[in-house]
Protein backbone atom coordinates (compact mmCIF):
# COMPACT_ATOMS: atom_id res chain seq x y z
CA UNK A 1 2.38 -4.78 -19.35
CA UNK A 2 6.28 -4.75 -19.84
CA UNK A 3 7.87 -3.08 -17.36
CA UNK A 4 7.52 -1.46 -14.14
CA UNK A 5 7.01 2.26 -13.02
CA UNK A 6 7.39 3.44 -9.02
CA UNK A 7 7.12 7.39 -8.85
CA UNK A 8 7.34 9.61 -5.79
CA UNK A 9 7.35 13.38 -6.33
CA UNK A 10 11.17 14.12 -5.98
CA UNK A 11 12.49 10.66 -7.77
CA UNK A 12 11.24 7.62 -10.53
CA UNK A 13 12.22 4.00 -11.24
CA UNK A 14 11.43 2.54 -14.48
CA UNK A 15 12.40 -0.73 -15.98
CA UNK A 16 11.91 -2.82 -19.22
CA UNK A 17 11.86 -6.42 -19.55
CA UNK A 18 12.46 -9.06 -17.56
CA UNK A 19 16.20 -10.95 -16.91
CA UNK A 20 15.27 -13.57 -14.28
CA UNK A 21 12.55 -14.42 -12.06
CA UNK A 22 12.96 -15.29 -7.64
CA UNK A 23 11.05 -17.38 -5.64
CA UNK A 24 10.65 -15.12 -2.58
CA UNK A 25 13.09 -12.47 -1.31
CA UNK A 26 14.73 -14.17 0.59
CA UNK A 27 15.85 -15.69 -2.75
CA UNK A 28 15.47 -11.83 -4.23
CA UNK A 29 17.71 -10.41 -1.16
CA UNK A 30 20.30 -13.94 -1.94
CA UNK A 31 21.00 -13.11 -5.62
CA UNK A 32 21.25 -8.64 -5.52
CA UNK A 33 23.88 -9.34 -1.78
CA UNK A 34 26.03 -11.74 -4.56
CA UNK A 35 25.67 -9.49 -7.29
CA UNK A 36 23.99 -12.23 -9.59
CA UNK A 37 21.13 -9.02 -9.74
CA UNK A 38 22.15 -5.84 -10.53
CA UNK A 39 18.86 -4.77 -9.08
CA UNK A 40 15.43 -6.12 -8.07
CA UNK A 41 11.25 -5.10 -8.42
CA UNK A 42 8.60 -5.95 -8.04
CA UNK A 43 6.11 -6.84 -5.01
CA UNK A 44 5.14 -8.39 -1.86
CA UNK A 45 1.75 -10.09 -1.27
CA UNK A 46 -0.05 -9.04 2.02
CA UNK A 47 0.34 -12.61 3.09
CA UNK A 48 3.41 -13.52 3.86
CA UNK A 49 2.63 -17.01 3.39
CA UNK A 50 1.62 -15.76 -0.12
CA UNK A 51 3.79 -15.72 -3.44
CA UNK A 52 6.27 -12.54 -4.51
CA UNK A 53 6.23 -10.63 -7.69
CA UNK A 54 10.01 -10.27 -7.55
CA UNK A 55 12.49 -10.22 -10.56
CA UNK A 56 15.18 -8.93 -11.92
CA UNK A 57 14.55 -5.69 -14.80
CA UNK A 58 16.73 -6.02 -18.57
CA UNK A 59 17.28 -2.52 -18.12
CA UNK A 60 16.18 0.13 -15.91
CA UNK A 61 15.92 3.86 -15.23
CA UNK A 62 16.65 5.97 -12.12
CA UNK A 63 15.58 9.79 -12.21
CA UNK A 64 15.85 12.84 -10.04
CA UNK A 65 12.20 13.78 -11.34
CA UNK A 66 8.39 12.49 -11.25
CA UNK A 67 7.51 10.30 -14.31
CA UNK A 68 5.58 12.27 -16.47
CA UNK A 69 3.46 10.22 -19.36
CA UNK A 70 3.92 10.91 -22.82
CA UNK A 71 0.60 11.39 -23.69
CA UNK A 72 -1.36 9.28 -22.15
CA UNK A 73 -4.62 7.71 -23.43
CA UNK A 74 -7.99 8.22 -22.53
CA UNK A 75 -9.43 4.93 -19.79
CA UNK A 76 -12.63 3.14 -21.22
CA UNK A 77 -16.01 3.37 -19.37
CA UNK A 78 -15.30 1.23 -16.07
CA UNK A 79 -18.33 0.46 -13.98
CA UNK A 80 -18.55 -1.11 -11.08
CA UNK A 81 -19.91 -5.08 -11.06
CA UNK A 82 -19.66 -6.34 -7.31
CA UNK A 83 -18.71 -5.38 -4.01
CA UNK A 84 -17.34 -7.98 -1.79
CA UNK A 85 -18.13 -8.68 0.97
CA UNK A 86 -21.60 -6.52 0.43
CA UNK A 87 -21.94 -3.05 2.25
CA UNK A 88 -24.50 -4.32 4.76
CA UNK A 89 -21.95 -7.62 5.17
CA UNK A 90 -19.21 -5.80 5.86
CA UNK A 91 -20.95 -3.90 8.75
CA UNK A 92 -21.32 -7.39 10.21
CA UNK A 93 -18.10 -8.37 9.85
CA UNK A 94 -16.88 -5.48 11.54
CA UNK A 95 -19.56 -4.94 14.36
CA UNK A 96 -18.64 -8.88 15.31
CA UNK A 97 -14.71 -8.07 14.79
CA UNK A 98 -15.10 -4.93 17.15
CA UNK A 99 -16.70 -7.61 19.83
CA UNK A 100 -13.80 -9.71 19.56
CA UNK A 101 -11.41 -7.34 19.62
CA UNK A 102 -13.79 -6.32 23.19
CA UNK A 103 -13.01 -9.62 24.34
CA UNK A 104 -9.76 -9.51 23.92
CA UNK A 105 -9.07 -11.26 20.99
CA UNK A 106 -6.68 -8.17 19.72
CA UNK A 107 -5.71 -4.47 20.16
CA UNK A 108 -6.52 -4.27 16.23
CA UNK A 109 -7.42 -6.05 13.04
CA UNK A 110 -7.56 -4.09 9.72
CA UNK A 111 -10.34 -5.13 7.83
CA UNK A 112 -10.84 -5.09 4.07
CA UNK A 113 -13.83 -5.21 1.12
CA UNK A 114 -13.06 -5.21 -2.71
CA UNK A 115 -14.93 -3.61 -5.19
CA UNK A 116 -14.33 -5.69 -9.12
CA UNK A 117 -14.66 -3.48 -11.77
CA UNK A 118 -15.79 -3.96 -15.04
CA UNK A 119 -14.55 -2.21 -18.22
CA UNK A 120 -15.58 -1.58 -21.77
CA UNK A 121 -12.52 -2.23 -23.59
CA UNK A 122 -9.00 -2.54 -21.99
CA UNK A 123 -7.82 -1.37 -18.82
CA UNK A 124 -3.61 -0.34 -19.70
CA UNK A 125 -1.93 -0.07 -16.63
CA UNK A 126 0.55 3.09 -17.35
CA UNK A 127 -2.14 4.51 -18.68
CA UNK A 128 -4.77 4.58 -15.03
CA UNK A 129 -0.91 4.64 -13.26
CA UNK A 130 -0.95 7.89 -15.61
CA UNK A 131 -4.43 9.35 -14.86
CA UNK A 132 -3.48 8.75 -11.28
CA UNK A 133 -0.49 10.75 -10.51
CA UNK A 134 -2.15 13.81 -12.14
CA UNK A 135 -4.87 13.50 -9.62
CA UNK A 136 -2.94 12.94 -6.95
CA UNK A 137 0.58 14.73 -7.45
CA UNK A 138 2.45 13.81 -3.75
CA UNK A 139 1.77 10.44 -3.94
CA UNK A 140 3.90 7.27 -5.16
CA UNK A 141 2.57 6.16 -8.42
CA UNK A 142 3.44 3.08 -9.05
CA UNK A 143 2.67 0.12 -11.55
CA UNK A 144 3.95 -3.58 -11.76
CA UNK A 145 3.65 -7.30 -13.66
CA UNK A 146 2.69 -9.70 -11.38
CA UNK A 147 3.70 -12.91 -13.45
CA UNK A 148 6.82 -13.48 -11.02
CA UNK A 149 4.19 -14.50 -8.93
CA UNK A 150 2.68 -17.25 -10.68
CA UNK A 151 0.09 -19.05 -13.00
CA UNK A 152 -2.96 -17.50 -11.15
CA UNK A 153 -1.20 -13.85 -11.99
CA UNK A 154 0.05 -13.97 -15.34
CA UNK A 155 -0.39 -11.08 -17.41
CA UNK A 156 -1.21 -9.48 -14.32
CA UNK A 157 -1.09 -5.97 -13.42
CA UNK A 158 -1.25 -4.07 -9.57
CA UNK A 159 -1.46 -0.08 -10.72
CA UNK A 160 -1.95 2.68 -7.52
CA UNK A 161 -1.16 6.14 -6.16
CA UNK A 162 -0.17 4.92 -2.33
CA UNK A 163 0.75 8.03 0.58
CA UNK A 164 2.33 5.29 2.88
CA UNK A 165 5.92 4.49 1.89
CA UNK A 166 6.96 1.59 4.05
CA UNK A 167 10.74 1.97 4.14
CA UNK A 168 13.08 4.37 2.10
CA UNK A 169 16.69 3.97 2.02
CA UNK A 170 19.64 5.46 1.24
CA UNK A 171 23.88 4.64 2.23
CA UNK A 172 22.47 3.66 6.05
CA UNK A 173 19.63 6.33 6.24
CA UNK A 174 16.49 5.03 6.58
CA UNK A 175 13.17 6.90 6.21
CA UNK A 176 9.81 5.25 7.50
CA UNK A 177 6.35 7.10 7.33
CA UNK A 178 3.59 5.63 8.23
CA UNK A 179 -0.33 6.46 8.34
CA UNK A 180 -3.30 4.86 10.80
CA UNK A 181 -6.01 7.45 11.72
CA UNK A 182 -8.34 8.73 8.52
CA UNK A 183 -11.03 10.90 7.93
CA UNK A 184 -13.08 12.07 4.91
CA UNK A 185 -11.69 15.60 3.90
CA UNK A 186 -14.37 18.30 3.19
CA UNK A 187 -15.41 20.78 -0.02
CA UNK A 188 -15.26 23.67 1.76
CA UNK A 189 -11.83 25.26 3.44
CA UNK A 190 -13.22 26.07 7.29
CA UNK A 191 -14.85 22.57 7.26
CA UNK A 192 -12.33 20.92 6.26
CA UNK A 193 -9.55 22.14 8.50
CA UNK A 194 -11.91 21.30 11.14
CA UNK A 195 -12.35 18.19 9.93
CA UNK A 196 -8.26 17.94 10.00
CA UNK A 197 -8.43 19.33 13.76
CA UNK A 198 -10.39 16.52 15.06
CA UNK A 199 -8.28 13.78 13.51
CA UNK A 200 -6.11 15.05 15.47
CA UNK A 201 -7.22 15.55 18.48
CA UNK A 202 -8.90 12.23 18.21
CA UNK A 203 -9.07 9.38 20.97
CA UNK A 204 -9.96 6.69 18.62
CA UNK A 205 -7.70 7.45 15.76
CA UNK A 206 -4.42 8.73 17.88
CA UNK A 207 -4.76 5.02 20.02
CA UNK A 208 -4.45 3.16 16.48
CA UNK A 209 -1.55 4.97 15.46
CA UNK A 210 0.01 4.90 18.46
CA UNK A 211 -0.58 0.81 17.59
CA UNK A 212 1.60 1.22 14.40
CA UNK A 213 4.48 3.82 15.23
CA UNK A 214 5.63 1.79 18.43
CA UNK A 215 5.45 -1.85 16.17
CA UNK A 216 7.30 -0.25 13.98
CA UNK A 217 9.64 1.48 16.46
CA UNK A 218 9.72 -1.98 18.04
CA UNK A 219 10.96 -3.88 14.90
CA UNK A 220 13.36 -1.39 13.77
CA UNK A 221 15.64 -1.02 16.90
CA UNK A 222 17.68 -3.91 16.55
CA UNK A 223 18.68 -3.18 13.28
CA UNK A 224 19.09 0.93 14.09
CA UNK A 225 21.00 2.98 15.81
CA UNK A 226 20.03 6.79 15.80
CA UNK A 227 15.68 5.69 15.46
CA UNK A 228 14.34 8.98 16.17
CA UNK A 229 10.15 9.98 15.47
CA UNK A 230 8.19 12.78 17.03
CA UNK A 231 6.19 11.93 20.17
CA UNK A 232 3.01 13.17 18.11
CA UNK A 233 1.88 12.07 14.92
CA UNK A 234 0.98 15.42 12.33
CA UNK A 235 -1.62 15.70 9.42
CA UNK A 236 -0.81 14.98 5.99
CA UNK A 237 -3.33 13.91 2.94
CA UNK A 238 -4.71 12.90 0.22
CA UNK A 239 -7.31 14.80 -2.45
CA UNK A 240 -9.96 12.43 -0.69
CA UNK A 241 -8.63 11.94 3.00
CA UNK A 242 -6.64 13.22 6.23
CA UNK A 243 -4.50 10.87 8.01
CA UNK A 244 -2.17 10.55 10.54
CA UNK A 245 1.57 10.36 9.75
CA UNK A 246 4.72 10.25 11.74
CA UNK A 247 7.79 10.31 10.13
CA UNK A 248 10.65 7.97 11.46
CA UNK A 249 13.96 8.15 10.68
CA UNK A 250 17.62 6.45 11.18
CA UNK A 251 20.81 4.11 11.02
CA UNK A 252 21.28 1.24 10.08
CA UNK A 253 23.70 -1.16 11.60
CA UNK A 254 25.40 -3.19 9.48
CA UNK A 255 25.94 -2.28 6.54
CA UNK A 256 24.64 -5.14 4.30
CA UNK A 257 21.20 -4.37 5.52
CA UNK A 258 19.35 -3.64 1.91
CA UNK A 259 15.62 -1.87 1.27
CA UNK A 260 14.81 -5.15 0.43
CA UNK A 261 15.56 -7.06 4.35
CA UNK A 262 13.48 -3.49 6.22
CA UNK A 263 10.83 -4.16 4.00
CA UNK A 264 10.26 -7.87 4.73
CA UNK A 265 11.23 -7.12 8.35
CA UNK A 266 8.19 -4.48 8.70
CA UNK A 267 5.47 -5.97 6.11
CA UNK A 268 2.99 -6.31 6.90
CA UNK A 269 2.20 -3.09 9.61
CA UNK A 270 -0.25 -3.02 11.97
CA UNK A 271 -1.33 -0.17 10.46
CA UNK A 272 -2.42 -2.83 7.43
CA UNK A 273 -2.89 -6.17 8.88
CA UNK A 274 -3.58 -5.27 12.91
CA UNK A 275 -1.65 -6.17 16.01
CA UNK A 276 -0.33 -8.38 17.38
CA UNK A 277 0.27 -9.07 14.02
CA UNK A 278 0.09 -13.22 14.25
CA UNK A 279 -3.62 -12.65 15.69
CA UNK A 280 -4.24 -10.28 13.25
CA UNK A 281 -3.15 -12.00 9.81
CA UNK A 282 -4.86 -15.10 11.41
CA UNK A 283 -8.23 -13.68 12.13
CA UNK A 284 -7.71 -11.37 8.33
CA UNK A 285 -7.10 -15.15 6.89
CA UNK A 286 -10.68 -16.55 8.31
CA UNK A 287 -12.58 -13.74 7.88
CA UNK A 288 -11.83 -12.71 4.71
CA UNK A 289 -10.71 -13.89 1.59
CA UNK A 290 -7.52 -13.49 0.20
CA UNK A 291 -6.35 -10.38 -0.31
CA UNK A 292 -3.59 -11.28 -3.04
CA UNK A 293 -1.15 -8.38 -3.45
CA UNK A 294 -3.19 -5.47 -1.95
CA UNK A 295 -2.31 -4.26 1.18
CA UNK A 296 1.69 -5.45 0.67
CA UNK A 297 4.42 -3.97 -0.92
CA UNK A 298 6.14 -2.61 -4.11
CA UNK A 299 9.46 -1.27 -4.62
CA UNK A 300 12.87 -1.68 -5.88
CA UNK A 301 16.03 -2.23 -4.67
CA UNK A 302 19.78 -1.98 -6.22
CA UNK A 303 22.53 -3.80 -5.61
CA UNK A 304 24.29 -1.58 -3.57
CA UNK A 305 20.97 -1.89 -1.04
CA UNK A 306 19.72 1.41 -1.92
CA UNK A 307 15.50 1.34 -2.98
CA UNK A 308 12.35 2.48 -1.68
CA UNK A 309 8.88 0.59 -0.66
CA UNK A 310 5.73 1.25 -0.56
CA UNK A 311 2.25 0.12 1.32
CA UNK A 312 0.36 -1.14 -1.52
CA UNK A 313 -2.93 0.86 -0.94
CA UNK A 314 -5.01 3.65 -3.26
CA UNK A 315 -4.38 0.35 -5.68
CA UNK A 316 -6.16 -2.38 -8.32
CA UNK A 317 -4.87 -5.36 -9.22
CA UNK A 318 -5.52 -6.03 -13.31
CA UNK A 319 -6.53 -8.78 -15.15
CA UNK A 320 -4.02 -10.24 -18.26
CA UNK A 321 -7.07 -8.94 -20.68
CA UNK A 322 -7.44 -5.42 -18.93
CA UNK A 323 -11.51 -6.03 -18.89
CA UNK A 324 -10.80 -6.41 -15.10
CA UNK A 325 -9.93 -5.13 -11.90
CA UNK A 326 -10.29 -5.56 -8.41
CA UNK A 327 -10.09 -2.42 -6.06
CA UNK A 328 -10.28 -2.74 -2.72
CA UNK A 329 -9.41 -1.02 1.06
CA UNK A 330 -9.71 -1.27 4.40
CA UNK A 331 -10.29 0.05 7.82
CA UNK A 332 -8.15 -0.53 11.50
CA UNK A 333 -10.82 -1.85 13.50
CA UNK A 334 -10.19 -1.44 17.30
CA UNK A 335 -12.27 -1.80 20.53
CA UNK A 336 -14.02 1.44 20.12
CA UNK A 337 -14.64 1.16 16.06
CA UNK A 338 -17.82 2.02 14.27
CA UNK A 339 -18.99 -0.13 12.12
CA UNK A 340 -20.44 2.44 9.79
CA UNK A 341 -18.09 5.14 9.94
CA UNK A 342 -15.44 2.45 9.32
CA UNK A 343 -18.03 1.04 6.29
CA UNK A 344 -17.47 5.17 5.03
CA UNK A 345 -14.19 5.03 5.50
CA UNK A 346 -13.38 2.29 2.89
CA UNK A 347 -15.77 3.87 0.64
CA UNK A 348 -13.97 7.10 1.12
CA UNK A 349 -10.33 5.43 0.29
CA UNK A 350 -11.72 3.42 -3.04
CA UNK A 351 -12.78 7.27 -3.92
CA UNK A 352 -8.72 6.86 -5.42
CA UNK A 353 -9.85 4.81 -8.10
CA UNK A 354 -12.53 4.95 -8.69
CA UNK A 355 -12.09 8.98 -9.40
CA UNK A 356 -9.46 8.33 -11.81
CA UNK A 357 -11.50 5.52 -13.63
CA UNK A 358 -14.93 7.57 -14.09
CA UNK A 359 -16.64 5.32 -12.03
CA UNK A 360 -20.19 6.70 -11.09
CA UNK A 361 -19.28 6.72 -6.65
CA UNK A 362 -23.43 6.02 -6.22
CA UNK A 363 -22.43 3.39 -9.19
């Protein structure tokens, strides 16, 4: 794809072409601060040690409304070709992680699994993004070319509809909305409300959410004044699941701080990695294959420092020929996690992509 799309309910950013690419977030940030780039768009990988996909576009348009695709085309028939790890292996992996957490190795580790998808014809990133936008109107929809990350990503794209904002900056005002704690929605309204109420009272999920918000506040306090967040989370939802959410707001102390700087400082949060971060990251590296850009961050930042960075979840990486895609989902494992519940959580989260692609849930 020759462009970038990031569409939030109240605004959107569309770009075309590539003027220059950047070998890392620090190089991109310097280009913005020095005036040698007017905007940076792209993606940060889950693992900070991995390659970034950041570039300056040739043209960009920032609108005060959601992106509306023009006459979106139908998507090709798609099926599940493989699951990595298998459901049985994921159960075993989570049980082993619970034992390690009970032994005090970490407080929380996020464990993820991936489904490999095969399409009968080429999947077009913007067509999938349009479908996701129509099904998830309150989410942030994105489609980003990953070619800037290097040869292994050339022609690949990342497409998703995420409910989670990592950080947004306008002027000196910062906002974040971390999510942690999940429950599958019910189809009947009374039952669905009961699920939501149960999540809001869940000791396990409240503890998992608190790990995330405490960590984010600790990272932001040196960078921001007037940092504020409610004591207890609120409920938010997607068509598939309920989440616990906390709105965090602050004022950046240094006017030179950009949205990209803040995204780098915050990523990866305990919501996608765990806590302590370095310990959880080492555990993930040793127990999973590379996550690439799943669990990373997608966004934009202009020369004034304004921008949005969202967490790259409910997404799929699409191959250069469009015939293969990889969709991943994870869940936060704590010492009292139940392996079957954690497997079910990943299944529920994967439904965002599988539903958009028309994949049979039992496939």
